[in-house]
N, C-alpha and C. Protein backbone atom coordinates (compact mmCIF):
# COMPACT_ATOMS: atom_id res chain seq x y z
N MET A 1 3.31 7.68 -26.61
CA MET A 1 2.19 7.84 -25.54
C MET A 1 2.38 9.23 -24.87
N LYS A 2 1.07 9.63 -24.56
CA LYS A 2 1.25 10.93 -24.03
C LYS A 2 1.51 11.21 -22.68
N HIS A 3 2.10 12.38 -22.10
CA HIS A 3 2.42 12.33 -20.69
C HIS A 3 1.51 12.02 -19.72
N ASP A 4 0.30 12.45 -19.99
CA ASP A 4 -0.94 12.15 -19.10
C ASP A 4 -1.10 10.65 -18.93
N ASP A 5 -0.71 9.79 -20.07
CA ASP A 5 -1.07 8.42 -20.15
C ASP A 5 0.21 7.66 -19.39
N THR A 6 1.38 8.38 -19.49
CA THR A 6 2.48 7.83 -18.69
C THR A 6 2.17 7.89 -17.17
N VAL A 7 1.81 9.27 -16.75
CA VAL A 7 1.46 9.31 -15.35
C VAL A 7 0.45 8.38 -14.88
N LYS A 8 -0.63 8.20 -15.56
CA LYS A 8 -1.71 7.63 -15.03
C LYS A 8 -1.02 5.89 -14.79
N ASN A 9 -0.38 5.54 -16.06
CA ASN A 9 0.21 4.09 -15.68
C ASN A 9 1.11 4.08 -14.71
N TYR A 10 2.14 4.94 -14.56
CA TYR A 10 2.75 4.83 -13.37
C TYR A 10 2.23 4.90 -12.03
N LEU A 11 1.41 5.79 -12.05
CA LEU A 11 0.53 5.67 -10.60
C LEU A 11 -0.32 4.40 -10.45
N PHE A 12 -0.71 3.68 -11.67
CA PHE A 12 -1.59 2.49 -11.51
C PHE A 12 -0.56 1.45 -11.22
N ASP A 13 0.50 1.30 -11.65
CA ASP A 13 1.52 0.33 -11.62
C ASP A 13 2.20 0.54 -9.85
N LEU A 14 2.34 1.77 -9.48
CA LEU A 14 2.87 2.13 -8.18
C LEU A 14 2.01 1.73 -7.04
N GLY A 15 0.69 2.08 -7.29
CA GLY A 15 -0.36 1.70 -6.27
C GLY A 15 -0.39 0.40 -5.90
N GLY A 16 -0.34 -0.49 -7.28
CA GLY A 16 -0.66 -1.82 -7.03
C GLY A 16 0.69 -2.66 -6.53
N LEU A 17 1.90 -2.20 -6.85
CA LEU A 17 3.18 -2.74 -6.35
C LEU A 17 3.09 -2.41 -4.96
N ILE A 18 2.87 -1.39 -4.32
CA ILE A 18 2.71 -0.94 -3.11
C ILE A 18 1.77 -1.86 -2.15
N LYS A 19 0.70 -1.91 -2.69
CA LYS A 19 -0.38 -2.81 -2.05
C LYS A 19 0.22 -4.29 -1.95
N GLU A 20 0.60 -4.60 -3.06
CA GLU A 20 1.07 -6.10 -3.12
C GLU A 20 2.21 -6.27 -2.03
N TYR A 21 3.33 -5.29 -1.88
CA TYR A 21 4.38 -5.39 -1.15
C TYR A 21 3.89 -5.35 0.55
N ALA A 22 2.73 -4.34 0.66
CA ALA A 22 2.30 -4.11 1.88
C ALA A 22 1.46 -5.60 2.53
N LEU A 23 0.65 -6.15 1.55
CA LEU A 23 0.18 -7.18 2.06
C LEU A 23 1.07 -8.53 2.40
N ALA A 24 2.06 -8.46 1.46
CA ALA A 24 2.99 -9.46 1.57
C ALA A 24 3.94 -9.15 2.83
N ALA A 25 3.94 -8.09 3.34
CA ALA A 25 4.92 -7.64 4.61
C ALA A 25 4.07 -8.36 5.65
N VAL A 26 2.51 -8.15 5.63
CA VAL A 26 1.76 -8.52 6.66
C VAL A 26 1.74 -10.30 6.80
N ALA A 27 1.73 -10.69 5.55
CA ALA A 27 1.79 -12.14 5.53
C ALA A 27 3.26 -12.63 6.04
N GLU A 28 4.10 -11.80 5.80
CA GLU A 28 5.48 -12.34 6.39
C GLU A 28 5.79 -12.42 7.71
N ARG A 29 5.13 -11.23 8.34
CA ARG A 29 5.23 -11.03 9.80
C ARG A 29 4.39 -12.35 10.51
N GLU A 30 3.34 -12.53 9.76
CA GLU A 30 2.73 -13.80 10.44
C GLU A 30 3.43 -14.86 10.52
N LYS A 31 4.18 -15.20 9.83
CA LYS A 31 5.20 -16.19 9.68
C LYS A 31 6.13 -16.53 10.81
N GLN A 32 6.60 -15.00 11.12
CA GLN A 32 7.78 -15.03 12.15
C GLN A 32 7.37 -15.71 13.61
N SER A 33 8.40 -16.43 13.94
CA SER A 33 8.37 -16.92 15.45
C SER A 33 9.21 -16.21 16.30
N ASP A 34 10.40 -15.70 15.83
CA ASP A 34 11.24 -15.03 16.50
C ASP A 34 10.87 -13.54 16.81
N ARG A 35 11.03 -12.93 18.05
CA ARG A 35 10.31 -11.68 18.49
C ARG A 35 11.03 -10.64 17.82
N ALA A 36 12.23 -10.57 17.81
CA ALA A 36 12.97 -9.60 16.81
C ALA A 36 12.69 -9.40 15.57
N ALA A 37 12.30 -10.56 14.77
CA ALA A 37 11.92 -10.43 13.42
C ALA A 37 10.41 -9.90 13.26
N GLN A 38 9.49 -10.40 14.10
CA GLN A 38 8.20 -9.72 14.53
C GLN A 38 8.33 -8.27 14.66
N GLU A 39 9.24 -7.89 15.61
CA GLU A 39 9.06 -6.34 15.87
C GLU A 39 9.76 -5.76 14.72
N PHE A 40 10.55 -6.10 13.71
CA PHE A 40 11.07 -5.56 12.52
C PHE A 40 9.80 -5.49 11.49
N TYR A 41 9.06 -6.64 11.52
CA TYR A 41 7.77 -6.68 10.37
C TYR A 41 6.72 -6.04 10.87
N ASP A 42 6.92 -5.57 12.31
CA ASP A 42 5.69 -4.50 12.82
C ASP A 42 5.97 -3.34 12.41
N GLY A 43 7.27 -2.79 12.26
CA GLY A 43 7.71 -1.60 11.79
C GLY A 43 7.47 -1.48 10.37
N TYR A 44 7.71 -2.43 9.59
CA TYR A 44 7.79 -2.46 8.13
C TYR A 44 6.34 -2.26 7.88
N VAL A 45 5.48 -3.13 8.36
CA VAL A 45 3.93 -2.92 7.98
C VAL A 45 3.28 -1.58 8.37
N GLN A 46 3.82 -1.05 9.57
CA GLN A 46 3.42 0.46 9.81
C GLN A 46 4.00 1.36 8.81
N GLY A 47 5.16 1.26 8.26
CA GLY A 47 5.47 2.02 7.20
C GLY A 47 4.63 2.21 5.98
N PHE A 48 4.16 0.93 5.61
CA PHE A 48 3.10 0.56 4.59
C PHE A 48 1.74 1.16 4.96
N HIS A 49 1.37 1.30 5.99
CA HIS A 49 0.21 1.69 6.75
C HIS A 49 0.25 3.16 6.31
N ARG A 50 1.21 3.66 6.56
CA ARG A 50 1.42 5.29 6.43
C ARG A 50 1.27 5.56 5.09
N VAL A 51 2.03 5.02 4.29
CA VAL A 51 2.11 5.18 2.71
C VAL A 51 0.69 5.00 2.12
N VAL A 52 0.03 3.70 2.30
CA VAL A 52 -1.21 3.42 1.65
C VAL A 52 -2.27 4.39 2.16
N SER A 53 -2.27 4.56 3.44
CA SER A 53 -3.20 5.89 3.83
C SER A 53 -2.94 7.09 3.31
N LEU A 54 -1.71 7.53 3.13
CA LEU A 54 -1.76 8.73 2.56
C LEU A 54 -1.93 8.72 1.15
N MET A 55 -1.52 7.75 0.32
CA MET A 55 -1.92 7.77 -1.00
C MET A 55 -3.71 7.67 -1.20
N GLN A 56 -4.26 6.88 -0.41
CA GLN A 56 -5.69 6.63 -0.45
C GLN A 56 -6.30 8.41 -0.02
N GLN A 57 -5.84 8.83 1.08
CA GLN A 57 -6.44 10.11 1.09
C GLN A 57 -6.13 11.07 0.20
N GLN A 58 -4.92 11.20 -0.30
CA GLN A 58 -4.72 12.24 -1.24
C GLN A 58 -5.59 12.08 -2.48
N ALA A 59 -5.62 10.78 -2.85
CA ALA A 59 -6.47 10.14 -4.26
C ALA A 59 -7.95 10.81 -3.97
N GLN A 60 -8.43 10.46 -2.66
CA GLN A 60 -9.85 10.89 -2.58
C GLN A 60 -10.00 12.40 -2.54
N ALA A 61 -8.99 13.17 -1.89
CA ALA A 61 -9.00 14.49 -1.90
C ALA A 61 -9.13 15.22 -3.22
N CYS A 62 -8.38 14.50 -4.31
CA CYS A 62 -8.13 15.03 -5.69
C CYS A 62 -9.42 14.36 -6.46
N GLY A 63 -10.29 13.65 -6.04
CA GLY A 63 -11.26 12.94 -6.84
C GLY A 63 -10.90 11.88 -7.91
N ILE A 64 -9.73 11.01 -7.31
CA ILE A 64 -9.23 9.90 -8.04
C ILE A 64 -9.70 8.79 -7.47
N ASP A 65 -10.36 8.07 -8.36
CA ASP A 65 -10.93 6.58 -7.96
C ASP A 65 -9.78 5.61 -7.49
N LEU A 66 -9.98 4.94 -6.47
CA LEU A 66 -8.78 4.32 -5.77
C LEU A 66 -8.54 3.09 -6.75
N LYS A 67 -9.52 2.58 -7.61
CA LYS A 67 -9.21 1.65 -8.58
C LYS A 67 -8.23 1.99 -9.54
N GLU A 68 -7.92 3.47 -9.82
CA GLU A 68 -7.11 4.03 -10.79
C GLU A 68 -5.87 3.67 -10.20
N LEU A 69 -5.59 3.65 -9.11
CA LEU A 69 -4.37 3.38 -8.37
C LEU A 69 -4.36 1.96 -7.73
N GLN A 70 -4.98 1.12 -8.10
CA GLN A 70 -4.95 -0.13 -7.52
C GLN A 70 -4.97 -0.40 -6.07
N LEU A 71 -5.50 0.59 -5.46
CA LEU A 71 -5.76 0.62 -3.98
C LEU A 71 -7.19 0.58 -3.46
N GLU A 72 -7.99 -0.16 -4.10
CA GLU A 72 -9.13 -0.31 -3.70
C GLU A 72 -9.20 -1.67 -2.86
N GLY A 73 -10.26 -1.79 -2.01
CA GLY A 73 -10.14 -3.35 -1.27
C GLY A 73 -9.17 -3.40 -0.12
N VAL A 74 -8.24 -2.40 0.05
CA VAL A 74 -7.57 -2.48 1.27
C VAL A 74 -7.93 -1.38 2.08
N GLN A 75 -8.00 -1.60 3.50
CA GLN A 75 -8.05 -0.61 4.33
C GLN A 75 -7.07 -0.67 5.34
N PRO A 76 -6.39 -0.01 5.43
CA PRO A 76 -5.09 0.35 6.28
C PRO A 76 -5.43 0.02 7.80
N ASP A 77 -6.52 0.39 8.29
CA ASP A 77 -6.94 0.31 9.61
C ASP A 77 -6.98 -0.91 10.07
N ARG A 78 -7.46 -1.80 9.00
CA ARG A 78 -7.94 -3.17 9.04
C ARG A 78 -7.00 -4.09 8.67
N ASP A 79 -6.25 -3.76 7.45
CA ASP A 79 -5.47 -5.10 6.70
C ASP A 79 -3.79 -4.59 7.24
N LEU A 80 -3.36 -3.47 7.53
CA LEU A 80 -2.14 -3.23 7.67
C LEU A 80 -1.64 -2.77 9.06
N VAL A 81 -2.12 -3.53 10.16
CA VAL A 81 -1.98 -3.22 11.59
C VAL A 81 -1.35 -4.59 12.26
């Protein structure tokens, strides 16, 4: 496998995993009834918001289609707040 393919596959997998973990964190936060747990998940989700936003912005600046990173369909300001 060429280096370029390795990098593309890495970024494709990484983006998909980050999106999956971010959306799971939002879902887990919704399940919490304890205020301390909710506050923990608020911070956890905010971290994912930052990472997904940054990855999307950098991809767009570099002309990378978000589908190549599996980061299409998620809007941090809508889905990760």
